[in-house]
Structures are given as C-alpha cells and as structure tokens.
C-alpha atoms as a PDB file:
ATOM      1  CA  MET A   1     125.330 109.692  67.433  1.00  0.00           C
ATOM      2  CA  SER A   2     124.982 106.599  69.614  1.00  0.00           C
ATOM      3  CA  LEU A   3     122.640 106.768  72.586  1.00  0.00           C
ATOM      4  CA  PRO A   4     124.253 105.737  75.917  1.00  0.00           C
ATOM      5  CA  GLY A   5     122.952 102.381  77.120  1.00  0.00           C
ATOM      6  CA  ILE A   6     121.090 101.806  73.864  1.00  0.00           C
ATOM      7  CA  SER A   7     121.349  98.018  74.165  1.00  0.00           C
ATOM      8  CA  GLU A   8     119.506  98.220  77.497  1.00  0.00           C
ATOM      9  CA  LYS A   9     116.552 100.140  76.086  1.00  0.00           C
ATOM     10  CA  ARG A  10     113.447  98.057  75.409  1.00  0.00           C
ATOM     11  CA  VAL A  11     111.344  99.094  72.418  1.00  0.00           C
ATOM     12  CA  LEU A  12     107.754  97.990  71.798  1.00  0.00           C
ATOM     13  CA  LEU A  13     106.565  98.138  68.175  1.00  0.00           C
ATOM     14  CA  VAL A  14     102.811  97.799  67.534  1.00  0.00           C
ATOM     15  CA  ASP A  15     101.619  97.643  63.914  1.00  0.00           C
ATOM     16  CA  ASP A  16      99.437  95.200  62.000  1.00  0.00           C
ATOM     17  CA  GLU A  17     101.737  95.439  58.953  1.00  0.00           C
ATOM     18  CA  VAL A  18     104.401  92.792  59.537  1.00  0.00           C
ATOM     19  CA  ASP A  19     106.675  94.287  56.857  1.00  0.00           C
ATOM     20  CA  ILE A  20     106.775  97.587  58.764  1.00  0.00           C
ATOM     21  CA  LEU A  21     107.514  95.804  62.033  1.00  0.00           C
ATOM     22  CA  ASN A  22     110.368  93.866  60.460  1.00  0.00           C
ATOM     23  CA  LEU A  23     111.770  96.946  58.732  1.00  0.00           C
ATOM     24  CA  LEU A  24     111.777  98.982  61.941  1.00  0.00           C
ATOM     25  CA  GLU A  25     113.293  96.091  63.875  1.00  0.00           C
ATOM     26  CA  THR A  26     116.107  95.770  61.325  1.00  0.00           C
ATOM     27  CA  VAL A  27     116.895  99.497  61.479  1.00  0.00           C
ATOM     28  CA  LEU A  28     116.808  99.529  65.280  1.00  0.00           C
ATOM     29  CA  ARG A  29     119.082  96.493  65.600  1.00  0.00           C
ATOM     30  CA  LYS A  30     121.602  98.002  63.171  1.00  0.00           C
ATOM     31  CA  ASP A  31     121.728 101.065  65.433  1.00  0.00           C
ATOM     32  CA  GLY A  32     122.405  98.990  68.555  1.00  0.00           C
ATOM     33  CA  PHE A  33     118.972  98.285  70.011  1.00  0.00           C
ATOM     34  CA  GLN A  34     118.749  94.673  71.201  1.00  0.00           C
ATOM     35  CA  GLN A  35     115.525  94.431  73.191  1.00  0.00           C
ATOM     36  CA  ILE A  36     112.651  94.752  70.725  1.00  0.00           C
ATOM     37  CA  ASP A  37     109.112  93.453  71.213  1.00  0.00           C
ATOM     38  CA  LYS A  38     106.616  93.320  68.337  1.00  0.00           C
ATOM     39  CA  ALA A  39     102.825  93.157  68.347  1.00  0.00           C
ATOM     40  CA  THR A  40     100.331  93.062  65.479  1.00  0.00           C
ATOM     41  CA  THR A  41      97.190  93.847  67.503  1.00  0.00           C
ATOM     42  CA  GLY A  42      96.277  96.433  70.093  1.00  0.00           C
ATOM     43  CA  GLN A  43      95.567  93.888  72.809  1.00  0.00           C
ATOM     44  CA  GLU A  44      98.871  92.124  72.211  1.00  0.00           C
ATOM     45  CA  GLY A  45     100.590  95.516  72.489  1.00  0.00           C
ATOM     46  CA  ILE A  46      98.862  96.261  75.812  1.00  0.00           C
ATOM     47  CA  ASP A  47      99.812  92.822  77.149  1.00  0.00           C
ATOM     48  CA  LEU A  48     103.462  93.214  76.127  1.00  0.00           C
ATOM     49  CA  CYS A  49     103.538  96.706  77.613  1.00  0.00           C
ATOM     50  CA  GLU A  50     102.338  95.386  80.957  1.00  0.00           C
ATOM     51  CA  LYS A  51     104.629  92.353  80.864  1.00  0.00           C
ATOM     52  CA  ASN A  52     107.909  93.883  79.675  1.00  0.00           C
ATOM     53  CA  ASN A  53     107.758  97.559  80.755  1.00  0.00           C
ATOM     54  CA  PRO A  54     109.201  99.114  77.561  1.00  0.00           C
ATOM     55  CA  ASP A  55     111.274 102.290  77.568  1.00  0.00           C
ATOM     56  CA  ILE A  56     109.515 103.557  74.429  1.00  0.00           C
ATOM     57  CA  ILE A  57     106.524 102.526  72.318  1.00  0.00           C
ATOM     58  CA  VAL A  58     105.883 102.981  68.592  1.00  0.00           C
ATOM     59  CA  LEU A  59     102.154 102.572  68.044  1.00  0.00           C
ATOM     60  CA  ASP A  60     100.124 102.441  64.845  1.00  0.00           C
ATOM     61  CA  ILE A  61      96.711 104.089  65.042  1.00  0.00           C
ATOM     62  CA  MET A  62      94.924 101.788  62.587  1.00  0.00           C
ATOM     63  CA  LEU A  63      94.910  98.368  64.251  1.00  0.00           C
ATOM     64  CA  PRO A  64      92.571  95.436  63.497  1.00  0.00           C
ATOM     65  CA  ASP A  65      91.068  95.006  66.972  1.00  0.00           C
ATOM     66  CA  ILE A  66      91.449  98.216  69.011  1.00  0.00           C
ATOM     67  CA  GLU A  67      92.099 101.716  67.668  1.00  0.00           C
ATOM     68  CA  GLY A  68      95.544 103.014  68.539  1.00  0.00           C
ATOM     69  CA  TYR A  69      94.126 105.962  70.498  1.00  0.00           C
ATOM     70  CA  GLU A  70      92.331 103.548  72.849  1.00  0.00           C
ATOM     71  CA  VAL A  71      95.442 101.383  73.103  1.00  0.00           C
ATOM     72  CA  CYS A  72      97.408 104.487  74.106  1.00  0.00           C
ATOM     73  CA  GLN A  73      94.912 105.310  76.853  1.00  0.00           C
ATOM     74  CA  GLU A  74      95.189 101.772  78.228  1.00  0.00           C
ATOM     75  CA  MET A  75      98.985 101.905  78.101  1.00  0.00           C
ATOM     76  CA  ARG A  76      98.965 105.186  80.000  1.00  0.00           C
ATOM     77  CA  LYS A  77      97.436 103.299  82.933  1.00  0.00           C
ATOM     78  CA  ILE A  78     100.549 101.120  82.923  1.00  0.00           C
ATOM     79  CA  THR A  79     103.506 103.253  81.861  1.00  0.00           C
ATOM     80  CA  PHE A  80     104.940 106.756  81.459  1.00  0.00           C
ATOM     81  CA  ALA A  81     107.126 105.563  78.554  1.00  0.00           C
ATOM     82  CA  PRO A  82     107.054 107.889  75.523  1.00  0.00           C
ATOM     83  CA  ILE A  83     104.562 106.826  72.832  1.00  0.00           C
ATOM     84  CA  ILE A  84     105.172 107.684  69.175  1.00  0.00           C
ATOM     85  CA  PHE A  85     102.125 107.312  66.953  1.00  0.00           C
ATOM     86  CA  LEU A  86     102.403 106.015  63.385  1.00  0.00           C
ATOM     87  CA  SER A  87      99.481 106.808  61.105  1.00  0.00           C
ATOM     88  CA  ALA A  88      98.428 107.046  57.492  1.00  0.00           C
ATOM     89  CA  LYS A  89      96.247 109.934  58.669  1.00  0.00           C
ATOM     90  CA  SER A  90      98.001 113.257  58.287  1.00  0.00           C
ATOM     91  CA  ASP A  91      95.249 115.699  59.296  1.00  0.00           C
ATOM     92  CA  GLU A  92      96.139 118.171  62.037  1.00  0.00           C
ATOM     93  CA  ILE A  93      93.115 117.081  64.068  1.00  0.00           C
ATOM     94  CA  ASP A  94      94.410 113.489  64.170  1.00  0.00           C
ATOM     95  CA  LYS A  95      97.793 114.663  65.417  1.00  0.00           C
ATOM     96  CA  LEU A  96      96.218 116.822  68.108  1.00  0.00           C
ATOM     97  CA  LEU A  97      93.964 113.965  69.181  1.00  0.00           C
ATOM     98  CA  GLY A  98      96.909 111.608  69.470  1.00  0.00           C
ATOM     99  CA  LEU A  99      98.942 114.084  71.510  1.00  0.00           C
ATOM    100  CA  GLY A 100      95.942 115.039  73.599  1.00  0.00           C
ATOM    101  CA  ILE A 101      95.177 111.512  74.807  1.00  0.00           C
ATOM    102  CA  GLY A 102      98.713 110.670  75.888  1.00  0.00           C
ATOM    103  CA  GLY A 103     101.011 110.415  72.860  1.00  0.00           C
ATOM    104  CA  ASP A 104     104.377 112.169  72.808  1.00  0.00           C
ATOM    105  CA  ASP A 105     105.086 112.310  69.070  1.00  0.00           C
ATOM    106  CA  TYR A 106     103.416 111.587  65.738  1.00  0.00           C
ATOM    107  CA  VAL A 107     104.881 110.309  62.457  1.00  0.00           C
ATOM    108  CA  SER A 108     102.807 110.143  59.279  1.00  0.00           C
ATOM    109  CA  LYS A 109     102.981 107.201  56.875  1.00  0.00           C
ATOM    110  CA  PRO A 110     104.745 106.717  54.562  1.00  0.00           C
ATOM    111  CA  PHE A 111     107.755 107.572  56.692  1.00  0.00           C
ATOM    112  CA  SER A 112     111.516 107.480  56.545  1.00  0.00           C
ATOM    113  CA  THR A 113     112.968 104.830  58.840  1.00  0.00           C
ATOM    114  CA  LYS A 114     115.751 107.286  59.661  1.00  0.00           C
ATOM    115  CA  GLU A 115     113.154 109.788  60.855  1.00  0.00           C
ATOM    116  CA  VAL A 116     111.478 107.219  63.113  1.00  0.00           C
ATOM    117  CA  LEU A 117     114.876 106.183  64.494  1.00  0.00           C
ATOM    118  CA  PHE A 118     115.771 109.826  65.147  1.00  0.00           C
ATOM    119  CA  ARG A 119     112.491 110.449  66.968  1.00  0.00           C
ATOM    120  CA  ILE A 120     112.874 107.297  69.074  1.00  0.00           C
ATOM    121  CA  LYS A 121     116.362 108.325  70.149  1.00  0.00           C
ATOM    122  CA  ALA A 122     115.289 111.925  70.782  1.00  0.00           C
ATOM    123  CA  GLN A 123     112.460 110.773  73.073  1.00  0.00           C
ATOM    124  CA  LEU A 124     114.746 108.357  74.937  1.00  0.00           C
ATOM    125  CA  ARG A 125     117.438 111.005  75.337  1.00  0.00           C
ATOM    126  CA  ARG A 126     114.893 113.459  76.730  1.00  0.00           C
ATOM    127  CA  ASN A 127     113.531 110.836  79.132  1.00  0.00           C
ATOM    128  CA  ASP A 128     117.030 109.952  80.341  1.00  0.00           C
ATOM    129  CA  TYR A 129     117.722 113.619  81.025  1.00  0.00           C
ATOM    130  CA  VAL A 130     114.498 114.068  82.967  1.00  0.00           C
ATOM    131  CA  THR A 131     115.124 110.863  84.945  1.00  0.00           C
ATOM    132  CA  GLN A 132     118.559 112.173  85.894  1.00  0.00           C
ATOM    133  CA  GLN A 133     117.081 115.506  86.911  1.00  0.00           C
ATOM    134  CA  LYS A 134     114.363 113.782  88.931  1.00  0.00           C
ATOM    135  CA  SER A 135     116.941 111.917  90.984  1.00  0.00           C
ATOM    136  CA  GLU A 136     118.407 115.271  92.031  1.00  0.00           C
ATOM    137  CA  ASP A 137     115.123 117.040  92.659  1.00  0.00           C
ATOM    138  CA  ARG A 138     113.213 117.240  95.881  1.00  0.00           C
ATOM    139  CA  ASN A 139     109.440 117.019  96.014  1.00  0.00           C
ATOM    140  CA  ILE A 140     107.702 120.117  94.677  1.00  0.00           C
ATOM    141  CA  ALA A 141     104.500 121.579  96.079  1.00  0.00           C
ATOM    142  CA  PHE A 142     102.229 124.439  95.095  1.00  0.00           C
ATOM    143  CA  GLY A 143      98.735 124.953  96.450  1.00  0.00           C
ATOM    144  CA  ASP A 144      97.108 121.544  96.814  1.00  0.00           C
ATOM    145  CA  VAL A 145      99.358 119.943  94.188  1.00  0.00           C
ATOM    146  CA  MET A 146     102.385 117.823  95.114  1.00  0.00           C
ATOM    147  CA  ILE A 147     104.925 116.496  92.602  1.00  0.00           C
ATOM    148  CA  PHE A 148     107.189 113.563  93.480  1.00  0.00           C
ATOM    149  CA  PRO A 149     109.894 113.690  90.764  1.00  0.00           C
ATOM    150  CA  ASN A 150     111.653 110.529  91.943  1.00  0.00           C
ATOM    151  CA  THR A 151     108.567 108.387  91.340  1.00  0.00           C
ATOM    152  CA  GLY A 152     106.806 110.465  88.679  1.00  0.00           C
ATOM    153  CA  GLU A 153     103.728 110.700  90.894  1.00  0.00           C
ATOM    154  CA  VAL A 154     101.553 113.811  91.081  1.00  0.00           C
ATOM    155  CA  LYS A 155      98.820 114.304  93.656  1.00  0.00           C
ATOM    156  CA  LYS A 156      96.086 116.870  94.099  1.00  0.00           C
ATOM    157  CA  ARG A 157      94.410 116.894  97.501  1.00  0.00           C
ATOM    158  CA  ASP A 158      95.963 113.450  98.133  1.00  0.00           C
ATOM    159  CA  SER A 159      94.365 112.008  94.963  1.00  0.00           C
ATOM    160  CA  SER A 160      96.762 110.715  92.301  1.00  0.00           C
ATOM    161  CA  ILE A 161      96.757 112.416  88.901  1.00  0.00           C
ATOM    162  CA  THR A 162      97.778 110.463  85.809  1.00  0.00           C
ATOM    163  CA  LEU A 163     100.091 112.438  83.526  1.00  0.00           C
ATOM    164  CA  THR A 164     101.817 111.445  80.318  1.00  0.00           C
ATOM    165  CA  ALA A 165     105.610 111.571  80.261  1.00  0.00           C
ATOM    166  CA  LYS A 166     105.615 114.907  78.443  1.00  0.00           C
ATOM    167  CA  GLU A 167     102.934 116.395  80.710  1.00  0.00           C
ATOM    168  CA  LEU A 168     105.020 115.397  83.725  1.00  0.00           C
ATOM    169  CA  GLN A 169     108.202 116.840  82.221  1.00  0.00           C
ATOM    170  CA  LEU A 170     106.421 120.077  81.373  1.00  0.00           C
ATOM    171  CA  LEU A 171     104.892 120.413  84.848  1.00  0.00           C
ATOM    172  CA  ILE A 172     108.227 119.709  86.580  1.00  0.00           C
ATOM    173  CA  TYR A 173     109.947 122.247  84.344  1.00  0.00           C
ATOM    174  CA  LEU A 174     107.426 124.989  85.127  1.00  0.00           C
ATOM    175  CA  ALA A 175     107.262 124.082  88.833  1.00  0.00           C
ATOM    176  CA  ASN A 176     111.059 124.206  89.149  1.00  0.00           C
ATOM    177  CA  HIS A 177     110.931 127.786  87.853  1.00  0.00           C
ATOM    178  CA  PRO A 178     107.896 129.314  89.595  1.00  0.00           C
ATOM    179  CA  ASN A 179     106.660 132.728  88.438  1.00  0.00           C
ATOM    180  CA  GLN A 180     109.074 132.762  85.497  1.00  0.00           C
ATOM    181  CA  ILE A 181     107.663 133.358  82.026  1.00  0.00           C
ATOM    182  CA  PHE A 182     108.806 130.938  79.345  1.00  0.00           C
ATOM    183  CA  SER A 183     108.238 131.373  75.623  1.00  0.00           C
ATOM    184  CA  LYS A 184     106.931 128.450  73.603  1.00  0.00           C
ATOM    185  CA  SER A 185     110.346 128.246  71.981  1.00  0.00           C
ATOM    186  CA  LYS A 186     112.094 127.909  75.345  1.00  0.00           C
ATOM    187  CA  ILE A 187     109.571 125.325  76.577  1.00  0.00           C
ATOM    188  CA  CYS A 188     110.006 123.333  73.380  1.00  0.00           C
ATOM    189  CA  GLU A 189     113.780 123.337  73.722  1.00  0.00           C
ATOM    190  CA  ALA A 190     113.679 122.356  77.415  1.00  0.00           C
ATOM    191  CA  VAL A 191     110.958 119.703  77.295  1.00  0.00           C
ATOM    192  CA  TRP A 192     110.946 118.370  73.725  1.00  0.00           C
ATOM    193  CA  GLY A 193     114.610 118.967  72.946  1.00  0.00           C
ATOM    194  CA  GLU A 194     113.682 120.170  69.471  1.00  0.00           C
ATOM    195  CA  ASP A 195     113.308 123.383  67.515  1.00  0.00           C
ATOM    196  CA  TYR A 196     110.023 125.165  68.064  1.00  0.00           C
ATOM    197  CA  ILE A 197     109.024 125.219  64.376  1.00  0.00           C
ATOM    198  CA  GLY A 198     105.878 123.167  63.815  1.00  0.00           C
ATOM    199  CA  LEU A 199     105.262 122.349  67.482  1.00  0.00           C
ATOM    200  CA  ASP A 200     103.080 125.310  68.424  1.00  0.00           C
ATOM    201  CA  ASN A 201      99.886 123.241  68.631  1.00  0.00           C
ATOM    202  CA  THR A 202     101.681 120.434  70.464  1.00  0.00           C
ATOM    203  CA  ILE A 203     102.680 122.784  73.283  1.00  0.00           C
ATOM    204  CA  MET A 204      99.189 124.281  73.518  1.00  0.00           C
ATOM    205  CA  VAL A 205      97.612 120.816  73.701  1.00  0.00           C
ATOM    206  CA  HIS A 206      99.908 119.791  76.558  1.00  0.00           C
ATOM    207  CA  ILE A 207      99.246 123.038  78.455  1.00  0.00           C
ATOM    208  CA  ARG A 208      95.494 122.519  78.039  1.00  0.00           C
ATOM    209  CA  ARG A 209      95.696 118.915  79.217  1.00  0.00           C
ATOM    210  CA  LEU A 210      97.758 119.900  82.255  1.00  0.00           C
ATOM    211  CA  ARG A 211      95.197 122.534  83.179  1.00  0.00           C
ATOM    212  CA  GLU A 212      92.386 120.014  82.870  1.00  0.00           C
ATOM    213  CA  LYS A 213      94.179 117.754  85.333  1.00  0.00           C
ATOM    214  CA  ILE A 214      95.476 120.157  87.991  1.00  0.00           C
ATOM    215  CA  GLU A 215      93.215 123.219  87.841  1.00  0.00           C
ATOM    216  CA  ASP A 216      89.853 123.464  89.624  1.00  0.00           C
ATOM    217  CA  ASP A 217      88.597 125.607  86.726  1.00  0.00           C
ATOM    218  CA  PRO A 218      90.693 124.959  83.589  1.00  0.00           C
ATOM    219  CA  SER A 219      88.974 127.824  81.747  1.00  0.00           C
ATOM    220  CA  HIS A 220      90.174 130.251  84.426  1.00  0.00           C
ATOM    221  CA  PRO A 221      93.486 128.719  85.534  1.00  0.00           C
ATOM    222  CA  LYS A 222      94.917 129.630  88.913  1.00  0.00           C
ATOM    223  CA  TRP A 223      98.341 128.097  88.424  1.00  0.00           C
ATOM    224  CA  ILE A 224      99.362 127.739  84.767  1.00  0.00           C
ATOM    225  CA  LYS A 225      99.001 131.227  83.362  1.00  0.00           C
ATOM    226  CA  THR A 226      99.159 132.430  79.770  1.00  0.00           C
ATOM    227  CA  VAL A 227     101.114 135.676  79.484  1.00  0.00           C
ATOM    228  CA  LYS A 228      99.847 137.159  76.247  1.00  0.00           C
ATOM    229  CA  GLY A 229     102.551 137.585  73.648  1.00  0.00           C
ATOM    230  CA  LEU A 230     105.230 136.108  75.923  1.00  0.00           C
ATOM    231  CA  GLY A 231     104.389 132.517  76.871  1.00  0.00           C
ATOM    232  CA  TYR A 232     103.427 130.618  80.019  1.00  0.00           C
ATOM    233  CA  LYS A 233     104.312 130.550  83.697  1.00  0.00           C
ATOM    234  CA  LEU A 234     103.413 128.628  86.835  1.00  0.00           C
ATOM    235  CA  GLN A 235     102.175 131.357  89.147  1.00  0.00           C
ATOM    236  CA  VAL A 236     102.546 130.689  92.848  1.00  0.00           C
ATOM    237  CA  ARG A 237     102.516 134.246  94.194  1.00  0.00           C
ATOM    238  CA  GLY A 238      98.970 135.611  94.279  1.00  0.00           C
ATOM    239  CA  ASN A 239      96.107 134.586  92.045  1.00  0.00           C
ATOM    240  CA  HIS A 240      95.734 137.628  89.852  1.00  0.00           C
ATOM    241  CA  SER A 241      96.169 137.349  86.092  1.00  0.00           C
END
C-alpha cells in the first residue's frame, strides 16, 4: 500500500556499510521515496539531520566514530523524527537501551529489506496521523505540565521537556483520555499502530521514561498510574493510587 505524499518524505540512512546504504536506497526509491540522504559516520548523520530535517531516520548502532546510541541522543536535540535502529546485536538489553534513549523501533541484522521498508512506512503513517490529530487538538494541561500538540512542546513549571516522538504520542494519547485505563494492547494499537505481541517491554520502557521526565518522584508517580492487571492511566482526579 502506497503511503500518501511518499515522494515528499525525506529519509536519512546512517550506516558504515555502503552496500547496506545502497540496498536500502534502491528499495526505498522503487517504493516511491525520492528524498534520501546517506551517511557513513555518526557525525555526518548528525550534520545531515540538522541540515535537512528528515522525516525518518534509519540508524546503525555500530558506527566507526560515534556509537549509534550517542548519535541518537544528539539527534533528539534536533528532531522528533522517528528513529529506527539497525544492529547486529539482538540481545533484549540492547533493544531496551535503544528504545530507552530515544529510538522508536529496532531491527536486527541481518534483516529483510521488506521488513525495514514496512517499519519505515508504519512509523511515517503513525507520525502523519499524530500530526493531523495535533492540528485539531487544543493545548492540554494537568498539574504543572502543559502539552502544546501543535508544536510538540511539553513544559513542566515553564521548563521545556524533551520527549521522543513516541513519548510525545503516548503522553498526548493518555492526556486526551484522562482517568481512563488503557491496556497495553490498546496503547500499542493507538500509539504504535501494531499488534501488541512482542512489544510489552517497549511500552514499559516508554512509560518509565515518561515518568522520569514529568513526575517529581518517578518511583511513586502522581500522574501516570499503573492499574495492576489492567494497564495504565493518566490520573488527574485526586492523587490516590
């Protein structure tokens, strides 16, 4: 299925293996993508990210100059664009680390080019949906937290909070439905646009990271509550568990 406006979407590919870059570029162009930037080092990737403002980034973890995790953190200072990690590492801890520091998805090498293409389009489709929703949403406030959906900005006590694209989408989703309990399956469908199977840890990582950024005491959250056996909710009536 073709993605609307696919020729307008700018993709940044960062990998020190030129063959992989060329292969991904070929597959993307065949599917209709026209704006593709390629980098073989972390610093080059950061520079291109700042210069060209990509809509999505595919980032290898093992780079010759700067580790992909650090590159991701630097890119998060520049953009909310979804970041998909590529890595020869397949351990669960590596995936959680990548998602925890700002990544939105993770693909293990060796990979199917069709899978990478599918994940790129899924992330772009989800971002387009959220952007459309943001244009219709008013600013959202709870406690000392203010969300500005139109700009993607979040403030706590007038200080800006940096969120990844998925963290922002998750927070907006919960804040638009205050005091409602959502299962992990429902959250996954609404925010990731995918089946829940295999994404349990991904959701928990994003909830934990959100708490670390908006809660005064992340270990005893006031706002983002876990409802045992049921899921999560953003509680804005009272502070009891």
